[in-house]
Amino acid sequence: MALNIRPAVAADAKVAAPMVYSAGPEAFDYILRGAGKTALDFLHYAFADGSGYQGYRTHWVAEREGCVIGVGAFYSGRDDLRLTLGFVKQVLAFYPMAAVPGVVRRALQVAPMMKPVTRDMW
């Protein structure tokens, strides 16, 4: 049973988004709740969209026998601005406008708890 590692594609969202969610359900739930939508709803959308930190373009998947069994995000600190803007674009597109300020506020509250990625980090 060979393990295949490949870049993620939008079609992986159904399987990959729950795996992404499992990396930090409490944080995702806190940041991404709003307007009757769950964090997992947003992660499915964001993964398939491709832009932002949770988009398929930053992810690789591990497959065995054609089934996705793992997912990981890989990006450089040089990508930080592009990924942040992608996240904001996704939030604006996914949530009703009344919910956007709350999502952005909570994301900004949690951001200082994350170890910053420097430009030279991968």
PDB file of N, CA and C in Angstrom:
ATOM      1  N   MET A   1       0.840  -1.182   0.000  1.00  0.00           N
ATOM      2  CA  MET A   1       0.000   0.000   0.000  1.00  0.00           C
ATOM      3  C   MET A   1       0.887   1.248   0.000  1.00  0.00           C
ATOM      4  N   ALA A   2       1.066   1.808  -1.161  1.00  0.00           N
ATOM      5  CA  ALA A   2       1.907   2.991  -1.295  1.00  0.00           C
ATOM      6  C   ALA A   2       1.184   4.234  -0.794  1.00  0.00           C
ATOM      7  N   LEU A   3       1.961   5.128  -0.227  1.00  0.00           N
ATOM      8  CA  LEU A   3       1.441   6.415   0.207  1.00  0.00           C
ATOM      9  C   LEU A   3       1.786   7.427  -0.862  1.00  0.00           C
ATOM     10  N   ASN A   4       0.802   8.183  -1.307  1.00  0.00           N
ATOM     11  CA  ASN A   4       0.998   9.204  -2.326  1.00  0.00           C
ATOM     12  C   ASN A   4       0.800  10.577  -1.685  1.00  0.00           C
ATOM     13  N   ILE A   5       1.744  11.475  -1.889  1.00  0.00           N
ATOM     14  CA  ILE A   5       1.642  12.847  -1.409  1.00  0.00           C
ATOM     15  C   ILE A   5       1.483  13.725  -2.645  1.00  0.00           C
ATOM     16  N   ARG A   6       0.455  14.581  -2.616  1.00  0.00           N
ATOM     17  CA  ARG A   6       0.204  15.446  -3.775  1.00  0.00           C
ATOM     18  C   ARG A   6      -0.386  16.772  -3.321  1.00  0.00           C
ATOM     19  N   PRO A   7      -0.297  17.787  -4.203  1.00  0.00           N
ATOM     20  CA  PRO A   7      -0.967  19.052  -3.876  1.00  0.00           C
ATOM     21  C   PRO A   7      -2.473  18.827  -3.772  1.00  0.00           C
ATOM     22  N   ALA A   8      -3.091  19.486  -2.835  1.00  0.00           N
ATOM     23  CA  ALA A   8      -4.545  19.389  -2.695  1.00  0.00           C
ATOM     24  C   ALA A   8      -5.229  20.072  -3.868  1.00  0.00           C
ATOM     25  N   VAL A   9      -6.460  19.664  -4.112  1.00  0.00           N
ATOM     26  CA  VAL A   9      -7.312  20.287  -5.126  1.00  0.00           C
ATOM     27  C   VAL A   9      -8.657  20.615  -4.474  1.00  0.00           C
ATOM     28  N   ALA A  10      -9.413  21.476  -5.106  1.00  0.00           N
ATOM     29  CA  ALA A  10     -10.696  21.911  -4.546  1.00  0.00           C
ATOM     30  C   ALA A  10     -11.606  20.729  -4.213  1.00  0.00           C
ATOM     31  N   ALA A  11     -11.574  19.703  -5.041  1.00  0.00           N
ATOM     32  CA  ALA A  11     -12.440  18.538  -4.825  1.00  0.00           C
ATOM     33  C   ALA A  11     -12.113  17.776  -3.541  1.00  0.00           C
ATOM     34  N   ASP A  12     -10.968  18.043  -2.920  1.00  0.00           N
ATOM     35  CA  ASP A  12     -10.605  17.385  -1.660  1.00  0.00           C
ATOM     36  C   ASP A  12     -11.325  17.993  -0.463  1.00  0.00           C
ATOM     37  N   ALA A  13     -12.039  19.080  -0.638  1.00  0.00           N
ATOM     38  CA  ALA A  13     -12.621  19.822   0.483  1.00  0.00           C
ATOM     39  C   ALA A  13     -13.494  18.960   1.384  1.00  0.00           C
ATOM     40  N   LYS A  14     -14.294  18.080   0.815  1.00  0.00           N
ATOM     41  CA  LYS A  14     -15.228  17.282   1.625  1.00  0.00           C
ATOM     42  C   LYS A  14     -14.491  16.446   2.669  1.00  0.00           C
ATOM     43  N   VAL A  15     -13.349  15.898   2.311  1.00  0.00           N
ATOM     44  CA  VAL A  15     -12.583  15.060   3.224  1.00  0.00           C
ATOM     45  C   VAL A  15     -11.555  15.885   4.005  1.00  0.00           C
ATOM     46  N   ALA A  16     -10.916  16.837   3.337  1.00  0.00           N
ATOM     47  CA  ALA A  16      -9.813  17.583   3.951  1.00  0.00           C
ATOM     48  C   ALA A  16     -10.285  18.611   4.977  1.00  0.00           C
ATOM     49  N   ALA A  17     -11.404  19.282   4.731  1.00  0.00           N
ATOM     50  CA  ALA A  17     -11.859  20.328   5.662  1.00  0.00           C
ATOM     51  C   ALA A  17     -12.059  19.788   7.087  1.00  0.00           C
ATOM     52  N   PRO A  18     -12.674  18.628   7.282  1.00  0.00           N
ATOM     53  CA  PRO A  18     -12.773  18.105   8.656  1.00  0.00           C
ATOM     54  C   PRO A  18     -11.407  17.804   9.280  1.00  0.00           C
ATOM     55  N   MET A  19     -10.439  17.416   8.453  1.00  0.00           N
ATOM     56  CA  MET A  19      -9.092  17.178   8.971  1.00  0.00           C
ATOM     57  C   MET A  19      -8.451  18.498   9.404  1.00  0.00           C
ATOM     58  N   VAL A  20      -8.625  19.537   8.607  1.00  0.00           N
ATOM     59  CA  VAL A  20      -8.118  20.859   8.976  1.00  0.00           C
ATOM     60  C   VAL A  20      -8.776  21.299  10.281  1.00  0.00           C
ATOM     61  N   TYR A  21     -10.079  21.135  10.368  1.00  0.00           N
ATOM     62  CA  TYR A  21     -10.829  21.510  11.571  1.00  0.00           C
ATOM     63  C   TYR A  21     -10.290  20.792  12.805  1.00  0.00           C
ATOM     64  N   SER A  22      -9.912  19.528  12.660  1.00  0.00           N
ATOM     65  CA  SER A  22      -9.446  18.745  13.807  1.00  0.00           C
ATOM     66  C   SER A  22      -8.132  19.270  14.376  1.00  0.00           C
ATOM     67  N   ALA A  23      -7.433  20.130  13.635  1.00  0.00           N
ATOM     68  CA  ALA A  23      -6.175  20.701  14.130  1.00  0.00           C
ATOM     69  C   ALA A  23      -6.399  21.743  15.225  1.00  0.00           C
ATOM     70  N   GLY A  24      -7.607  22.268  15.337  1.00  0.00           N
ATOM     71  CA  GLY A  24      -7.871  23.285  16.362  1.00  0.00           C
ATOM     72  C   GLY A  24      -9.332  23.630  16.449  1.00  0.00           C
ATOM     73  N   PRO A  25     -10.182  22.658  16.774  1.00  0.00           N
ATOM     74  CA  PRO A  25     -11.623  22.913  16.748  1.00  0.00           C
ATOM     75  C   PRO A  25     -12.075  24.057  17.652  1.00  0.00           C
ATOM     76  N   GLU A  26     -11.469  24.192  18.809  1.00  0.00           N
ATOM     77  CA  GLU A  26     -11.894  25.260  19.715  1.00  0.00           C
ATOM     78  C   GLU A  26     -11.608  26.631  19.112  1.00  0.00           C
ATOM     79  N   ALA A  27     -10.418  26.797  18.563  1.00  0.00           N
ATOM     80  CA  ALA A  27     -10.056  28.080  17.941  1.00  0.00           C
ATOM     81  C   ALA A  27     -10.927  28.347  16.718  1.00  0.00           C
ATOM     82  N   PHE A  28     -11.093  27.342  15.869  1.00  0.00           N
ATOM     83  CA  PHE A  28     -11.934  27.526  14.683  1.00  0.00           C
ATOM     84  C   PHE A  28     -13.365  27.874  15.077  1.00  0.00           C
ATOM     85  N   ASP A  29     -13.907  27.158  16.074  1.00  0.00           N
ATOM     86  CA  ASP A  29     -15.275  27.443  16.510  1.00  0.00           C
ATOM     87  C   ASP A  29     -15.396  28.861  17.058  1.00  0.00           C
ATOM     88  N   TYR A  30     -14.424  29.291  17.827  1.00  0.00           N
ATOM     89  CA  TYR A  30     -14.460  30.638  18.404  1.00  0.00           C
ATOM     90  C   TYR A  30     -14.412  31.712  17.306  1.00  0.00           C
ATOM     91  N   ILE A  31     -13.480  31.578  16.391  1.00  0.00           N
ATOM     92  CA  ILE A  31     -13.283  32.605  15.370  1.00  0.00           C
ATOM     93  C   ILE A  31     -14.396  32.599  14.328  1.00  0.00           C
ATOM     94  N   LEU A  32     -14.775  31.443  13.847  1.00  0.00           N
ATOM     95  CA  LEU A  32     -15.577  31.334  12.632  1.00  0.00           C
ATOM     96  C   LEU A  32     -17.070  31.147  12.848  1.00  0.00           C
ATOM     97  N   ARG A  33     -17.527  31.233  14.079  1.00  0.00           N
ATOM     98  CA  ARG A  33     -18.974  31.114  14.285  1.00  0.00           C
ATOM     99  C   ARG A  33     -19.636  32.417  13.837  1.00  0.00           C
ATOM    100  N   GLY A  34     -20.847  32.309  13.379  1.00  0.00           N
ATOM    101  CA  GLY A  34     -21.586  33.521  13.030  1.00  0.00           C
ATOM    102  C   GLY A  34     -22.675  33.259  12.027  1.00  0.00           C
ATOM    103  N   ALA A  35     -23.769  33.983  12.198  1.00  0.00           N
ATOM    104  CA  ALA A  35     -24.902  33.948  11.264  1.00  0.00           C
ATOM    105  C   ALA A  35     -25.430  32.536  11.037  1.00  0.00           C
ATOM    106  N   GLY A  36     -25.407  31.712  12.091  1.00  0.00           N
ATOM    107  CA  GLY A  36     -25.935  30.364  11.971  1.00  0.00           C
ATOM    108  C   GLY A  36     -25.047  29.419  11.182  1.00  0.00           C
ATOM    109  N   LYS A  37     -23.822  29.839  10.884  1.00  0.00           N
ATOM    110  CA  LYS A  37     -22.886  28.997  10.140  1.00  0.00           C
ATOM    111  C   LYS A  37     -21.823  28.482  11.101  1.00  0.00           C
ATOM    112  N   THR A  38     -21.376  27.273  10.852  1.00  0.00           N
ATOM    113  CA  THR A  38     -20.364  26.664  11.711  1.00  0.00           C
ATOM    114  C   THR A  38     -18.967  26.898  11.143  1.00  0.00           C
ATOM    115  N   ALA A  39     -17.988  26.649  11.988  1.00  0.00           N
ATOM    116  CA  ALA A  39     -16.602  26.731  11.533  1.00  0.00           C
ATOM    117  C   ALA A  39     -16.366  25.741  10.394  1.00  0.00           C
ATOM    118  N   LEU A  40     -16.926  24.562  10.503  1.00  0.00           N
ATOM    119  CA  LEU A  40     -16.737  23.557   9.456  1.00  0.00           C
ATOM    120  C   LEU A  40     -17.385  23.997   8.145  1.00  0.00           C
ATOM    121  N   ASP A  41     -18.524  24.680   8.212  1.00  0.00           N
ATOM    122  CA  ASP A  41     -19.134  25.236   6.993  1.00  0.00           C
ATOM    123  C   ASP A  41     -18.134  26.162   6.292  1.00  0.00           C
ATOM    124  N   PHE A  42     -17.523  27.068   7.078  1.00  0.00           N
ATOM    125  CA  PHE A  42     -16.556  28.002   6.494  1.00  0.00           C
ATOM    126  C   PHE A  42     -15.342  27.256   5.948  1.00  0.00           C
ATOM    127  N   LEU A  43     -14.835  26.280   6.685  1.00  0.00           N
ATOM    128  CA  LEU A  43     -13.637  25.562   6.230  1.00  0.00           C
ATOM    129  C   LEU A  43     -13.883  24.793   4.938  1.00  0.00           C
ATOM    130  N   HIS A  44     -15.063  24.218   4.768  1.00  0.00           N
ATOM    131  CA  HIS A  44     -15.397  23.581   3.486  1.00  0.00           C
ATOM    132  C   HIS A  44     -15.342  24.620   2.363  1.00  0.00           C
ATOM    133  N   TYR A  45     -15.977  25.769   2.605  1.00  0.00           N
ATOM    134  CA  TYR A  45     -15.979  26.838   1.602  1.00  0.00           C
ATOM    135  C   TYR A  45     -14.559  27.313   1.317  1.00  0.00           C
ATOM    136  N   ALA A  46     -13.808  27.612   2.371  1.00  0.00           N
ATOM    137  CA  ALA A  46     -12.469  28.178   2.217  1.00  0.00           C
ATOM    138  C   ALA A  46     -11.526  27.202   1.522  1.00  0.00           C
ATOM    139  N   PHE A  47     -11.585  25.935   1.889  1.00  0.00           N
ATOM    140  CA  PHE A  47     -10.704  24.947   1.267  1.00  0.00           C
ATOM    141  C   PHE A  47     -10.987  24.871  -0.232  1.00  0.00           C
ATOM    142  N   ALA A  48     -12.249  24.758  -0.606  1.00  0.00           N
ATOM    143  CA  ALA A  48     -12.611  24.654  -2.020  1.00  0.00           C
ATOM    144  C   ALA A  48     -12.301  25.939  -2.786  1.00  0.00           C
ATOM    145  N   ASP A  49     -12.422  27.081  -2.128  1.00  0.00           N
ATOM    146  CA  ASP A  49     -12.123  28.362  -2.768  1.00  0.00           C
ATOM    147  C   ASP A  49     -10.650  28.457  -3.141  1.00  0.00           C
ATOM    148  N   GLY A  50      -9.788  27.991  -2.269  1.00  0.00           N
ATOM    149  CA  GLY A  50      -8.365  27.948  -2.576  1.00  0.00           C
ATOM    150  C   GLY A  50      -7.529  29.073  -2.014  1.00  0.00           C
ATOM    151  N   SER A  51      -8.100  30.246  -1.824  1.00  0.00           N
ATOM    152  CA  SER A  51      -7.296  31.355  -1.316  1.00  0.00           C
ATOM    153  C   SER A  51      -7.285  31.320   0.214  1.00  0.00           C
ATOM    154  N   GLY A  52      -6.451  32.135   0.818  1.00  0.00           N
ATOM    155  CA  GLY A  52      -6.407  32.197   2.273  1.00  0.00           C
ATOM    156  C   GLY A  52      -5.645  31.032   2.884  1.00  0.00           C
ATOM    157  N   TYR A  53      -5.492  31.107   4.201  1.00  0.00           N
ATOM    158  CA  TYR A  53      -4.727  30.100   4.933  1.00  0.00           C
ATOM    159  C   TYR A  53      -5.340  28.714   4.843  1.00  0.00           C
ATOM    160  N   GLN A  54      -6.648  28.621   4.776  1.00  0.00           N
ATOM    161  CA  GLN A  54      -7.330  27.329   4.764  1.00  0.00           C
ATOM    162  C   GLN A  54      -7.649  26.837   3.361  1.00  0.00           C
ATOM    163  N   GLY A  55      -7.212  27.532   2.336  1.00  0.00           N
ATOM    164  CA  GLY A  55      -7.495  27.138   0.959  1.00  0.00           C
ATOM    165  C   GLY A  55      -6.655  25.961   0.497  1.00  0.00           C
ATOM    166  N   TYR A  56      -7.160  25.243  -0.484  1.00  0.00           N
ATOM    167  CA  TYR A  56      -6.451  24.063  -0.986  1.00  0.00           C
ATOM    168  C   TYR A  56      -5.067  24.400  -1.529  1.00  0.00           C
ATOM    169  N   ARG A  57      -4.870  25.633  -1.983  1.00  0.00           N
ATOM    170  CA  ARG A  57      -3.574  25.993  -2.571  1.00  0.00           C
ATOM    171  C   ARG A  57      -2.427  25.966  -1.557  1.00  0.00           C
ATOM    172  N   THR A  58      -2.719  26.039  -0.261  1.00  0.00           N
ATOM    173  CA  THR A  58      -1.662  25.964   0.756  1.00  0.00           C
ATOM    174  C   THR A  58      -1.526  24.557   1.329  1.00  0.00           C
ATOM    175  N   HIS A  59      -2.310  23.632   0.832  1.00  0.00           N
ATOM    176  CA  HIS A  59      -2.343  22.287   1.412  1.00  0.00           C
ATOM    177  C   HIS A  59      -1.830  21.208   0.466  1.00  0.00           C
ATOM    178  N   TRP A  60      -1.303  20.183   1.069  1.00  0.00           N
ATOM    179  CA  TRP A  60      -0.945  18.932   0.394  1.00  0.00           C
ATOM    180  C   TRP A  60      -1.728  17.830   1.102  1.00  0.00           C
ATOM    181  N   VAL A  61      -2.043  16.784   0.366  1.00  0.00           N
ATOM    182  CA  VAL A  61      -2.755  15.657   0.966  1.00  0.00           C
ATOM    183  C   VAL A  61      -1.939  14.381   0.824  1.00  0.00           C
ATOM    184  N   ALA A  62      -2.166  13.493   1.770  1.00  0.00           N
ATOM    185  CA  ALA A  62      -1.609  12.143   1.714  1.00  0.00           C
ATOM    186  C   ALA A  62      -2.756  11.209   1.340  1.00  0.00           C
ATOM    187  N   GLU A  63      -2.487  10.351   0.366  1.00  0.00           N
ATOM    188  CA  GLU A  63      -3.496   9.394  -0.101  1.00  0.00           C
ATOM    189  C   GLU A  63      -2.964   7.971   0.018  1.00  0.00           C
ATOM    190  N   ARG A  64      -3.868   7.097   0.301  1.00  0.00           N
ATOM    191  CA  ARG A  64      -3.569   5.665   0.238  1.00  0.00           C
ATOM    192  C   ARG A  64      -4.729   5.024  -0.497  1.00  0.00           C
ATOM    193  N   GLU A  65      -4.398   4.283  -1.535  1.00  0.00           N
ATOM    194  CA  GLU A  65      -5.402   3.610  -2.366  1.00  0.00           C
ATOM    195  C   GLU A  65      -6.473   4.591  -2.848  1.00  0.00           C
ATOM    196  N   GLY A  66      -6.052   5.809  -3.197  1.00  0.00           N
ATOM    197  CA  GLY A  66      -6.966   6.813  -3.740  1.00  0.00           C
ATOM    198  C   GLY A  66      -7.797   7.558  -2.716  1.00  0.00           C
ATOM    199  N   CYS A  67      -7.627   7.246  -1.424  1.00  0.00           N
ATOM    200  CA  CYS A  67      -8.389   7.924  -0.366  1.00  0.00           C
ATOM    201  C   CYS A  67      -7.474   8.885   0.391  1.00  0.00           C
ATOM    202  N   VAL A  68      -7.957  10.107   0.608  1.00  0.00           N
ATOM    203  CA  VAL A  68      -7.204  11.086   1.381  1.00  0.00           C
ATOM    204  C   VAL A  68      -7.210  10.646   2.840  1.00  0.00           C
ATOM    205  N   ILE A  69      -5.997  10.501   3.398  1.00  0.00           N
ATOM    206  CA  ILE A  69      -5.883  10.060   4.787  1.00  0.00           C
ATOM    207  C   ILE A  69      -5.169  11.094   5.660  1.00  0.00           C
ATOM    208  N   GLY A  70      -4.699  12.179   5.053  1.00  0.00           N
ATOM    209  CA  GLY A  70      -4.019  13.222   5.818  1.00  0.00           C
ATOM    210  C   GLY A  70      -3.923  14.499   5.006  1.00  0.00           C
ATOM    211  N   VAL A  71      -3.737  15.595   5.716  1.00  0.00           N
ATOM    212  CA  VAL A  71      -3.625  16.898   5.055  1.00  0.00           C
ATOM    213  C   VAL A  71      -2.691  17.779   5.874  1.00  0.00           C
ATOM    214  N   GLY A  72      -1.935  18.612   5.185  1.00  0.00           N
ATOM    215  CA  GLY A  72      -1.047  19.543   5.875  1.00  0.00           C
ATOM    216  C   GLY A  72      -0.939  20.838   5.095  1.00  0.00           C
ATOM    217  N   ALA A  73      -0.799  21.935   5.823  1.00  0.00           N
ATOM    218  CA  ALA A  73      -0.652  23.253   5.195  1.00  0.00           C
ATOM    219  C   ALA A  73       0.818  23.629   5.173  1.00  0.00           C
ATOM    220  N   PHE A  74       1.270  24.174   4.063  1.00  0.00           N
ATOM    221  CA  PHE A  74       2.662  24.577   3.893  1.00  0.00           C
ATOM    222  C   PHE A  74       2.702  25.905   3.155  1.00  0.00           C
ATOM    223  N   TYR A  75       3.308  26.899   3.800  1.00  0.00           N
ATOM    224  CA  TYR A  75       3.470  28.198   3.156  1.00  0.00           C
ATOM    225  C   TYR A  75       4.615  28.935   3.807  1.00  0.00           C
ATOM    226  N   SER A  76       5.097  29.920   3.111  1.00  0.00           N
ATOM    227  CA  SER A  76       6.212  30.728   3.584  1.00  0.00           C
ATOM    228  C   SER A  76       5.690  31.985   4.264  1.00  0.00           C
ATOM    229  N   GLY A  77       6.481  32.553   5.139  1.00  0.00           N
ATOM    230  CA  GLY A  77       6.136  33.843   5.721  1.00  0.00           C
ATOM    231  C   GLY A  77       5.991  34.915   4.666  1.00  0.00           C
ATOM    232  N   ARG A  78       6.604  34.718   3.519  1.00  0.00           N
ATOM    233  CA  ARG A  78       6.467  35.665   2.404  1.00  0.00           C
ATOM    234  C   ARG A  78       5.032  35.679   1.857  1.00  0.00           C
ATOM    235  N   ASP A  79       4.280  34.627   2.153  1.00  0.00           N
ATOM    236  CA  ASP A  79       2.901  34.510   1.667  1.00  0.00           C
ATOM    237  C   ASP A  79       1.881  35.108   2.628  1.00  0.00           C
ATOM    238  N   ASP A  80       2.338  35.592   3.774  1.00  0.00           N
ATOM    239  CA  ASP A  80       1.425  36.009   4.838  1.00  0.00           C
ATOM    240  C   ASP A  80       0.411  37.063   4.396  1.00  0.00           C
ATOM    241  N   LEU A  81       0.846  38.113   3.744  1.00  0.00           N
ATOM    242  CA  LEU A  81      -0.084  39.158   3.319  1.00  0.00           C
ATOM    243  C   LEU A  81      -1.104  38.614   2.329  1.00  0.00           C
ATOM    244  N   ARG A  82      -0.650  37.848   1.346  1.00  0.00           N
ATOM    245  CA  ARG A  82      -1.559  37.270   0.350  1.00  0.00           C
ATOM    246  C   ARG A  82      -2.586  36.354   1.019  1.00  0.00           C
ATOM    247  N   LEU A  83      -2.145  35.551   1.970  1.00  0.00           N
ATOM    248  CA  LEU A  83      -3.060  34.625   2.646  1.00  0.00           C
ATOM    249  C   LEU A  83      -4.026  35.368   3.561  1.00  0.00           C
ATOM    250  N   THR A  84      -3.555  36.409   4.217  1.00  0.00           N
ATOM    251  CA  THR A  84      -4.439  37.224   5.058  1.00  0.00           C
ATOM    252  C   THR A  84      -5.513  37.880   4.210  1.00  0.00           C
ATOM    253  N   LEU A  85      -5.128  38.456   3.084  1.00  0.00           N
ATOM    254  CA  LEU A  85      -6.110  39.081   2.185  1.00  0.00           C
ATOM    255  C   LEU A  85      -7.079  38.044   1.633  1.00  0.00           C
ATOM    256  N   GLY A  86      -6.594  36.846   1.356  1.00  0.00           N
ATOM    257  CA  GLY A  86      -7.474  35.769   0.901  1.00  0.00           C
ATOM    258  C   GLY A  86      -8.494  35.395   1.962  1.00  0.00           C
ATOM    259  N   PHE A  87      -8.047  35.327   3.221  1.00  0.00           N
ATOM    260  CA  PHE A  87      -8.959  35.033   4.323  1.00  0.00           C
ATOM    261  C   PHE A  87     -10.033  36.116   4.431  1.00  0.00           C
ATOM    262  N   VAL A  88      -9.627  37.369   4.374  1.00  0.00           N
ATOM    263  CA  VAL A  88     -10.596  38.475   4.462  1.00  0.00           C
ATOM    264  C   VAL A  88     -11.595  38.393   3.314  1.00  0.00           C
ATOM    265  N   LYS A  89     -11.114  38.125   2.116  1.00  0.00           N
ATOM    266  CA  LYS A  89     -12.000  37.973   0.952  1.00  0.00           C
ATOM    267  C   LYS A  89     -13.006  36.843   1.182  1.00  0.00           C
ATOM    268  N   GLN A  90     -12.530  35.727   1.726  1.00  0.00           N
ATOM    269  CA  GLN A  90     -13.421  34.602   1.996  1.00  0.00           C
ATOM    270  C   GLN A  90     -14.470  34.956   3.039  1.00  0.00           C
ATOM    271  N   VAL A  91     -14.058  35.630   4.097  1.00  0.00           N
ATOM    272  CA  VAL A  91     -15.004  36.034   5.148  1.00  0.00           C
ATOM    273  C   VAL A  91     -16.072  36.943   4.562  1.00  0.00           C
ATOM    274  N   LEU A  92     -15.656  37.912   3.752  1.00  0.00           N
ATOM    275  CA  LEU A  92     -16.614  38.841   3.138  1.00  0.00           C
ATOM    276  C   LEU A  92     -17.585  38.128   2.197  1.00  0.00           C
ATOM    277  N   ALA A  93     -17.113  37.098   1.527  1.00  0.00           N
ATOM    278  CA  ALA A  93     -17.966  36.370   0.586  1.00  0.00           C
ATOM    279  C   ALA A  93     -18.875  35.358   1.278  1.00  0.00           C
ATOM    280  N   PHE A  94     -18.412  34.788   2.395  1.00  0.00           N
ATOM    281  CA  PHE A  94     -19.137  33.684   3.027  1.00  0.00           C
ATOM    282  C   PHE A  94     -20.202  34.142   4.015  1.00  0.00           C
ATOM    283  N   TYR A  95     -19.901  35.155   4.810  1.00  0.00           N
ATOM    284  CA  TYR A  95     -20.809  35.576   5.876  1.00  0.00           C
ATOM    285  C   TYR A  95     -21.655  36.767   5.449  1.00  0.00           C
ATOM    286  N   PRO A  96     -22.861  36.886   6.011  1.00  0.00           N
ATOM    287  CA  PRO A  96     -23.616  38.119   5.809  1.00  0.00           C
ATOM    288  C   PRO A  96     -22.823  39.285   6.417  1.00  0.00           C
ATOM    289  N   MET A  97     -22.953  40.455   5.847  1.00  0.00           N
ATOM    290  CA  MET A  97     -22.158  41.603   6.269  1.00  0.00           C
ATOM    291  C   MET A  97     -22.256  41.866   7.775  1.00  0.00           C
ATOM    292  N   ALA A  98     -23.394  41.621   8.380  1.00  0.00           N
ATOM    293  CA  ALA A  98     -23.551  41.868   9.817  1.00  0.00           C
ATOM    294  C   ALA A  98     -22.665  40.958  10.665  1.00  0.00           C
ATOM    295  N   ALA A  99     -22.295  39.797  10.159  1.00  0.00           N
ATOM    296  CA  ALA A  99     -21.465  38.859  10.914  1.00  0.00           C
ATOM    297  C   ALA A  99     -19.971  39.099  10.717  1.00  0.00           C
ATOM    298  N   VAL A 100     -19.596  39.791   9.672  1.00  0.00           N
ATOM    299  CA  VAL A 100     -18.178  39.980   9.330  1.00  0.00           C
ATOM    300  C   VAL A 100     -17.377  40.653  10.445  1.00  0.00           C
ATOM    301  N   PRO A 101     -17.847  41.763  11.038  1.00  0.00           N
ATOM    302  CA  PRO A 101     -17.029  42.393  12.085  1.00  0.00           C
ATOM    303  C   PRO A 101     -16.710  41.455  13.251  1.00  0.00           C
ATOM    304  N   GLY A 102     -17.636  40.617  13.645  1.00  0.00           N
ATOM    305  CA  GLY A 102     -17.395  39.680  14.743  1.00  0.00           C
ATOM    306  C   GLY A 102     -16.340  38.650  14.389  1.00  0.00           C
ATOM    307  N   VAL A 103     -16.405  38.106  13.185  1.00  0.00           N
ATOM    308  CA  VAL A 103     -15.410  37.117  12.753  1.00  0.00           C
ATOM    309  C   VAL A 103     -14.026  37.762  12.708  1.00  0.00           C
ATOM    310  N   VAL A 104     -13.938  38.941  12.123  1.00  0.00           N
ATOM    311  CA  VAL A 104     -12.646  39.633  12.021  1.00  0.00           C
ATOM    312  C   VAL A 104     -12.114  39.977  13.416  1.00  0.00           C
ATOM    313  N   ARG A 105     -12.962  40.469  14.295  1.00  0.00           N
ATOM    314  CA  ARG A 105     -12.543  40.817  15.655  1.00  0.00           C
ATOM    315  C   ARG A 105     -11.992  39.594  16.382  1.00  0.00           C
ATOM    316  N   ARG A 106     -12.705  38.477  16.291  1.00  0.00           N
ATOM    317  CA  ARG A 106     -12.249  37.265  16.979  1.00  0.00           C
ATOM    318  C   ARG A 106     -10.946  36.742  16.376  1.00  0.00           C
ATOM    319  N   ALA A 107     -10.798  36.843  15.054  1.00  0.00           N
ATOM    320  CA  ALA A 107      -9.538  36.425  14.415  1.00  0.00           C
ATOM    321  C   ALA A 107      -8.382  37.281  14.921  1.00  0.00           C
ATOM    322  N   LEU A 108      -8.607  38.574  15.054  1.00  0.00           N
ATOM    323  CA  LEU A 108      -7.565  39.473  15.554  1.00  0.00           C
ATOM    324  C   LEU A 108      -7.243  39.207  17.021  1.00  0.00           C
ATOM    325  N   GLN A 109      -8.239  38.785  17.794  1.00  0.00           N
ATOM    326  CA  GLN A 109      -8.005  38.446  19.204  1.00  0.00           C
ATOM    327  C   GLN A 109      -7.123  37.207  19.338  1.00  0.00           C
ATOM    328  N   VAL A 110      -7.319  36.243  18.473  1.00  0.00           N
ATOM    329  CA  VAL A 110      -6.592  34.983  18.555  1.00  0.00           C
ATOM    330  C   VAL A 110      -5.200  35.090  17.920  1.00  0.00           C
ATOM    331  N   ALA A 111      -5.031  35.954  16.951  1.00  0.00           N
ATOM    332  CA  ALA A 111      -3.771  36.054  16.208  1.00  0.00           C
ATOM    333  C   ALA A 111      -2.533  36.182  17.097  1.00  0.00           C
ATOM    334  N   PRO A 112      -2.549  36.987  18.164  1.00  0.00           N
ATOM    335  CA  PRO A 112      -1.341  37.098  18.992  1.00  0.00           C
ATOM    336  C   PRO A 112      -0.952  35.796  19.702  1.00  0.00           C
ATOM    337  N   MET A 113      -1.872  34.845  19.790  1.00  0.00           N
ATOM    338  CA  MET A 113      -1.569  33.571  20.433  1.00  0.00           C
ATOM    339  C   MET A 113      -0.819  32.622  19.506  1.00  0.00           C
ATOM    340  N   MET A 114      -0.799  32.942  18.221  1.00  0.00           N
ATOM    341  CA  MET A 114      -0.127  32.100  17.230  1.00  0.00           C
ATOM    342  C   MET A 114       1.312  32.563  17.085  1.00  0.00           C
ATOM    343  N   LYS A 115       2.216  31.607  16.973  1.00  0.00           N
ATOM    344  CA  LYS A 115       3.619  31.966  16.761  1.00  0.00           C
ATOM    345  C   LYS A 115       3.735  32.579  15.366  1.00  0.00           C
ATOM    346  N   PRO A 116       4.269  33.794  15.276  1.00  0.00           N
ATOM    347  CA  PRO A 116       4.363  34.426  13.963  1.00  0.00           C
ATOM    348  C   PRO A 116       5.341  33.679  13.052  1.00  0.00           C
ATOM    349  N   VAL A 117       4.997  33.648  11.787  1.00  0.00           N
ATOM    350  CA  VAL A 117       5.851  33.042  10.769  1.00  0.00           C
ATOM    351  C   VAL A 117       6.693  34.172  10.180  1.00  0.00           C
ATOM    352  N   THR A 118       8.008  34.019  10.250  1.00  0.00           N
ATOM    353  CA  THR A 118       8.876  35.044   9.675  1.00  0.00           C
ATOM    354  C   THR A 118       8.961  34.839   8.158  1.00  0.00           C
ATOM    355  N   ARG A 119       9.452  35.843   7.466  1.00  0.00           N
ATOM    356  CA  ARG A 119       9.557  35.771   6.003  1.00  0.00           C
ATOM    357  C   ARG A 119      10.419  34.604   5.547  1.00  0.00           C
ATOM    358  N   ASP A 120      11.379  34.197   6.380  1.00  0.00           N
ATOM    359  CA  ASP A 120      12.300  33.129   5.983  1.00  0.00           C
ATOM    360  C   ASP A 120      11.863  31.746   6.443  1.00  0.00           C
ATOM    361  N   MET A 121      10.718  31.672   7.119  1.00  0.00           N
ATOM    362  CA  MET A 121      10.210  30.367   7.566  1.00  0.00           C
ATOM    363  C   MET A 121       9.335  29.738   6.495  1.00  0.00           C
ATOM    364  N   TRP A 122       9.261  28.424   6.514  1.00  0.00           N
ATOM    365  CA  TRP A 122       8.363  27.682   5.633  1.00  0.00           C
ATOM    366  C   TRP A 122       7.425  26.910   6.502  1.00  0.00           C
TER     367      TRP A 122
END
